[in-house]
Amino acid sequence: MDAWFERYTATVSPEQLGERIVFRFTDGDTGTMSREEMLAHVITHGAYHRGNVGQVLKSISVVPPRDLFTKFLHISEPQRRQA
């Protein structure tokens, strides 16, 4: 899935990002968002859930794992570690 998002964001045009798409929410209501808004939603939605899971773990005295964007970047692109 990560590879798909990487390919998509590397090739989508600014005009396409502005395109509005009609969709249906899981509760049955309809909505519209631009492709750009949808990408932002996917990014923030996942971060929201990871943050909530971390809080739940803390509430039961379990230290949550470090979930850092910088760690992801340095694992996926080790050259970023070099000055």
C-alpha atoms as a PDB file:
ATOM      1  CA  MET A   1       0.000   0.000   0.000  1.00  0.00           C
ATOM      2  CA  ASP A   2       2.858   2.388   0.791  1.00  0.00           C
ATOM      3  CA  ALA A   3       4.297   1.839  -2.671  1.00  0.00           C
ATOM      4  CA  TRP A   4       0.924   2.631  -4.254  1.00  0.00           C
ATOM      5  CA  PHE A   5       0.692   5.938  -2.355  1.00  0.00           C
ATOM      6  CA  GLU A   6       4.276   6.801  -3.297  1.00  0.00           C
ATOM      7  CA  ARG A   7       3.594   6.156  -6.986  1.00  0.00           C
ATOM      8  CA  TYR A   8       0.277   7.984  -6.904  1.00  0.00           C
ATOM      9  CA  THR A   9       1.597  11.121  -5.197  1.00  0.00           C
ATOM     10  CA  ALA A  10       4.623  11.193  -7.510  1.00  0.00           C
ATOM     11  CA  THR A  11       2.457  11.175 -10.629  1.00  0.00           C
ATOM     12  CA  VAL A  12      -0.794  12.966  -9.747  1.00  0.00           C
ATOM     13  CA  SER A  13      -1.047  16.452 -11.253  1.00  0.00           C
ATOM     14  CA  PRO A  14      -2.106  19.595  -9.400  1.00  0.00           C
ATOM     15  CA  GLU A  15      -5.244  19.664 -11.544  1.00  0.00           C
ATOM     16  CA  GLN A  16      -6.104  16.102 -10.515  1.00  0.00           C
ATOM     17  CA  LEU A  17      -5.504  16.937  -6.833  1.00  0.00           C
ATOM     18  CA  GLY A  18      -8.151  19.640  -7.115  1.00  0.00           C
ATOM     19  CA  GLU A  19     -10.722  17.261  -8.606  1.00  0.00           C
ATOM     20  CA  ARG A  20     -13.684  16.713  -6.304  1.00  0.00           C
ATOM     21  CA  ILE A  21     -14.937  13.167  -5.813  1.00  0.00           C
ATOM     22  CA  VAL A  22     -18.367  12.119  -4.549  1.00  0.00           C
ATOM     23  CA  PHE A  23     -18.287   9.227  -2.060  1.00  0.00           C
ATOM     24  CA  ARG A  24     -20.419   7.510   0.566  1.00  0.00           C
ATOM     25  CA  PHE A  25     -19.457   7.431   4.250  1.00  0.00           C
ATOM     26  CA  THR A  26     -19.757   4.158   6.169  1.00  0.00           C
ATOM     27  CA  ASP A  27     -22.935   5.492   7.813  1.00  0.00           C
ATOM     28  CA  GLY A  28     -24.560   5.876   4.380  1.00  0.00           C
ATOM     29  CA  ASP A  29     -24.341   9.670   4.048  1.00  0.00           C
ATOM     30  CA  THR A  30     -22.718  11.108   0.939  1.00  0.00           C
ATOM     31  CA  GLY A  31     -19.911  13.622   0.803  1.00  0.00           C
ATOM     32  CA  THR A  32     -17.424  15.267  -1.527  1.00  0.00           C
ATOM     33  CA  MET A  33     -13.734  15.917  -1.074  1.00  0.00           C
ATOM     34  CA  SER A  34     -10.908  16.822  -3.401  1.00  0.00           C
ATOM     35  CA  ARG A  35      -8.220  14.234  -4.033  1.00  0.00           C
ATOM     36  CA  GLU A  36      -5.860  16.481  -2.066  1.00  0.00           C
ATOM     37  CA  GLU A  37      -8.245  16.546   0.901  1.00  0.00           C
ATOM     38  CA  MET A  38      -8.590  12.763   0.737  1.00  0.00           C
ATOM     39  CA  LEU A  39      -4.813  12.305   0.887  1.00  0.00           C
ATOM     40  CA  ALA A  40      -4.599  14.659   3.870  1.00  0.00           C
ATOM     41  CA  HIS A  41      -7.407  12.719   5.546  1.00  0.00           C
ATOM     42  CA  VAL A  42      -5.616   9.387   5.082  1.00  0.00           C
ATOM     43  CA  ILE A  43      -2.441  10.820   6.623  1.00  0.00           C
ATOM     44  CA  THR A  44      -4.110  12.407   9.637  1.00  0.00           C
ATOM     45  CA  HIS A  45      -6.585   9.562  10.192  1.00  0.00           C
ATOM     46  CA  GLY A  46      -3.843   6.989  10.688  1.00  0.00           C
ATOM     47  CA  ALA A  47      -1.905   9.293  13.014  1.00  0.00           C
ATOM     48  CA  TYR A  48      -5.051   9.876  15.069  1.00  0.00           C
ATOM     49  CA  HIS A  49      -5.567   6.146  15.603  1.00  0.00           C
ATOM     50  CA  ARG A  50      -1.922   5.495  16.463  1.00  0.00           C
ATOM     51  CA  GLY A  51      -2.055   8.273  19.038  1.00  0.00           C
ATOM     52  CA  ASN A  52      -5.214   6.839  20.592  1.00  0.00           C
ATOM     53  CA  VAL A  53      -3.712   3.355  20.827  1.00  0.00           C
ATOM     54  CA  GLY A  54      -0.681   4.855  22.562  1.00  0.00           C
ATOM     55  CA  GLN A  55      -2.952   6.501  25.126  1.00  0.00           C
ATOM     56  CA  VAL A  56      -4.848   3.247  25.729  1.00  0.00           C
ATOM     57  CA  LEU A  57      -1.583   1.390  26.280  1.00  0.00           C
ATOM     58  CA  LYS A  58      -0.429   4.031  28.759  1.00  0.00           C
ATOM     59  CA  SER A  59      -3.729   3.758  30.641  1.00  0.00           C
ATOM     60  CA  ILE A  60      -3.055   0.051  31.262  1.00  0.00           C
ATOM     61  CA  SER A  61       0.576   0.729  32.262  1.00  0.00           C
ATOM     62  CA  VAL A  62       2.105  -0.521  29.015  1.00  0.00           C
ATOM     63  CA  VAL A  63       4.795   1.638  27.460  1.00  0.00           C
ATOM     64  CA  PRO A  64       3.720   2.269  23.849  1.00  0.00           C
ATOM     65  CA  PRO A  65       6.277   1.657  21.114  1.00  0.00           C
ATOM     66  CA  ARG A  66       7.979   4.670  19.641  1.00  0.00           C
ATOM     67  CA  ASP A  67       6.094   5.564  16.492  1.00  0.00           C
ATOM     68  CA  LEU A  68       8.132   8.243  14.829  1.00  0.00           C
ATOM     69  CA  PHE A  69       7.954   9.558  11.294  1.00  0.00           C
ATOM     70  CA  THR A  70      11.654  10.387  11.470  1.00  0.00           C
ATOM     71  CA  LYS A  71      12.470   6.758  12.318  1.00  0.00           C
ATOM     72  CA  PHE A  72      10.447   5.610   9.289  1.00  0.00           C
ATOM     73  CA  LEU A  73      12.339   8.015   7.027  1.00  0.00           C
ATOM     74  CA  HIS A  74      15.723   6.912   8.310  1.00  0.00           C
ATOM     75  CA  ILE A  75      14.889   3.227   7.925  1.00  0.00           C
ATOM     76  CA  SER A  76      13.427   3.634   4.440  1.00  0.00           C
ATOM     77  CA  GLU A  77      16.115   6.128   3.306  1.00  0.00           C
ATOM     78  CA  PRO A  78      19.304   5.508   5.335  1.00  0.00           C
ATOM     79  CA  GLN A  79      21.181   8.221   3.430  1.00  0.00           C
ATOM     80  CA  ARG A  80      19.156  10.781   5.413  1.00  0.00           C
ATOM     81  CA  ARG A  81      21.326   9.935   8.438  1.00  0.00           C
ATOM     82  CA  GLN A  82      24.296  11.574   6.753  1.00  0.00           C
ATOM     83  CA  ALA A  83      24.856  15.300   7.118  1.00  0.00           C
END
